[in-house]
Amino acid sequence: LIEFRITFKDVLGALARAAAVLAENGVDLLSSESRTLRRGESAEWFAIADVSRCKCKLEELKQKILKEGAVEVVEYRSFLY
């Protein structure tokens, strides 16, 4: 399991585009939470995901998410429960 922290511009559809990249690459979201940091400026999304079926390496996945335009930062780490 991986925990993602994704920071993006607070614009319509930004989170959906990032989520679509994860889905297209075989990432299964188990839990997620998002919040606006500054209305109209920035927001963040935390997601716990199963990446066992991911179609690419995590660094490549990170770059794909960043290419979505509204995403500013993608961080990930192993999630131990």
Protein backbone atom coordinates (compact mmCIF):
# COMPACT_ATOMS: atom_id res chain seq x y z
CA LEU A 1 0.00 0.00 0.00
CA ILE A 2 1.10 3.54 -0.77
CA GLU A 3 -0.03 6.82 0.73
CA PHE A 4 -0.18 9.67 -1.77
CA ARG A 5 -0.24 13.37 -0.91
CA ILE A 6 -1.07 15.44 -3.94
CA THR A 7 -1.19 19.24 -3.86
CA PHE A 8 -2.94 21.00 -6.71
CA LYS A 9 -4.52 24.26 -7.78
CA ASP A 10 -8.03 24.63 -6.42
CA VAL A 11 -9.71 24.53 -9.82
CA LEU A 12 -12.66 22.57 -11.09
CA GLY A 13 -11.76 18.99 -12.06
CA ALA A 14 -8.14 18.98 -10.82
CA LEU A 15 -8.67 16.13 -8.37
CA ALA A 16 -10.72 14.16 -10.90
CA ARG A 17 -7.91 14.39 -13.47
CA ALA A 18 -5.34 13.13 -10.95
CA ALA A 19 -7.69 10.29 -9.93
CA ALA A 20 -8.17 9.37 -13.59
CA VAL A 21 -4.42 8.99 -14.05
CA LEU A 22 -4.30 6.61 -11.10
CA ALA A 23 -7.23 4.57 -12.45
CA GLU A 24 -5.79 4.42 -15.98
CA ASN A 25 -2.60 2.97 -14.53
CA GLY A 26 -4.26 0.23 -12.48
CA VAL A 27 -4.07 1.90 -9.06
CA ASP A 28 -6.89 0.90 -6.69
CA LEU A 29 -7.92 3.66 -4.28
CA LEU A 30 -8.83 2.31 -0.86
CA SER A 31 -9.34 5.56 1.02
CA SER A 32 -9.06 9.24 0.20
CA GLU A 33 -9.61 12.66 1.70
CA SER A 34 -9.32 16.05 0.12
CA ARG A 35 -9.46 19.58 1.44
CA THR A 36 -9.14 23.11 0.20
CA LEU A 37 -6.17 24.94 1.67
CA ARG A 38 -6.93 28.32 0.11
CA ARG A 39 -10.19 28.75 -1.76
CA GLY A 40 -9.50 29.26 -5.45
CA GLU A 41 -5.74 28.77 -4.94
CA SER A 42 -4.67 25.41 -3.54
CA ALA A 43 -5.98 22.10 -2.27
CA GLU A 44 -4.55 18.76 -1.20
CA TRP A 45 -5.59 15.17 -1.54
CA PHE A 46 -4.49 12.24 0.60
CA ALA A 47 -5.12 8.77 -0.78
CA ILE A 48 -4.22 5.28 0.34
CA ALA A 49 -3.89 3.00 -2.64
CA ASP A 50 -3.06 -0.55 -3.62
CA VAL A 51 -0.41 -0.28 -6.32
CA SER A 52 0.18 -4.01 -6.73
CA ARG A 53 -1.41 -3.90 -10.20
CA CYS A 54 0.07 -0.57 -11.25
CA LYS A 55 1.16 -0.60 -14.90
CA CYS A 56 4.26 1.53 -14.29
CA LYS A 57 6.86 2.41 -11.67
CA LEU A 58 5.86 4.92 -9.00
CA GLU A 59 8.23 7.63 -10.26
CA GLU A 60 6.71 7.32 -13.73
CA LEU A 61 3.22 7.47 -12.22
CA LYS A 62 4.22 10.61 -10.34
CA GLN A 63 5.35 12.26 -13.58
CA LYS A 64 2.09 11.32 -15.30
CA ILE A 65 0.09 12.94 -12.50
CA LEU A 66 2.24 16.08 -12.61
CA LYS A 67 1.61 16.41 -16.36
CA GLU A 68 -2.08 16.97 -15.66
CA GLY A 69 -1.31 20.67 -15.29
CA ALA A 70 -3.15 21.64 -12.11
CA VAL A 71 -1.06 19.33 -9.93
CA GLU A 72 1.82 21.04 -8.17
CA VAL A 73 3.32 18.38 -5.87
CA VAL A 74 3.05 14.58 -5.72
CA GLU A 75 4.52 12.78 -2.73
CA TYR A 76 4.19 9.12 -1.87
CA ARG A 77 5.38 6.72 0.80
CA SER A 78 4.77 3.19 1.92
CA PHE A 79 1.72 2.90 4.12
CA LEU A 80 2.12 0.50 7.02
CA TYR A 81 -0.91 -0.46 9.03
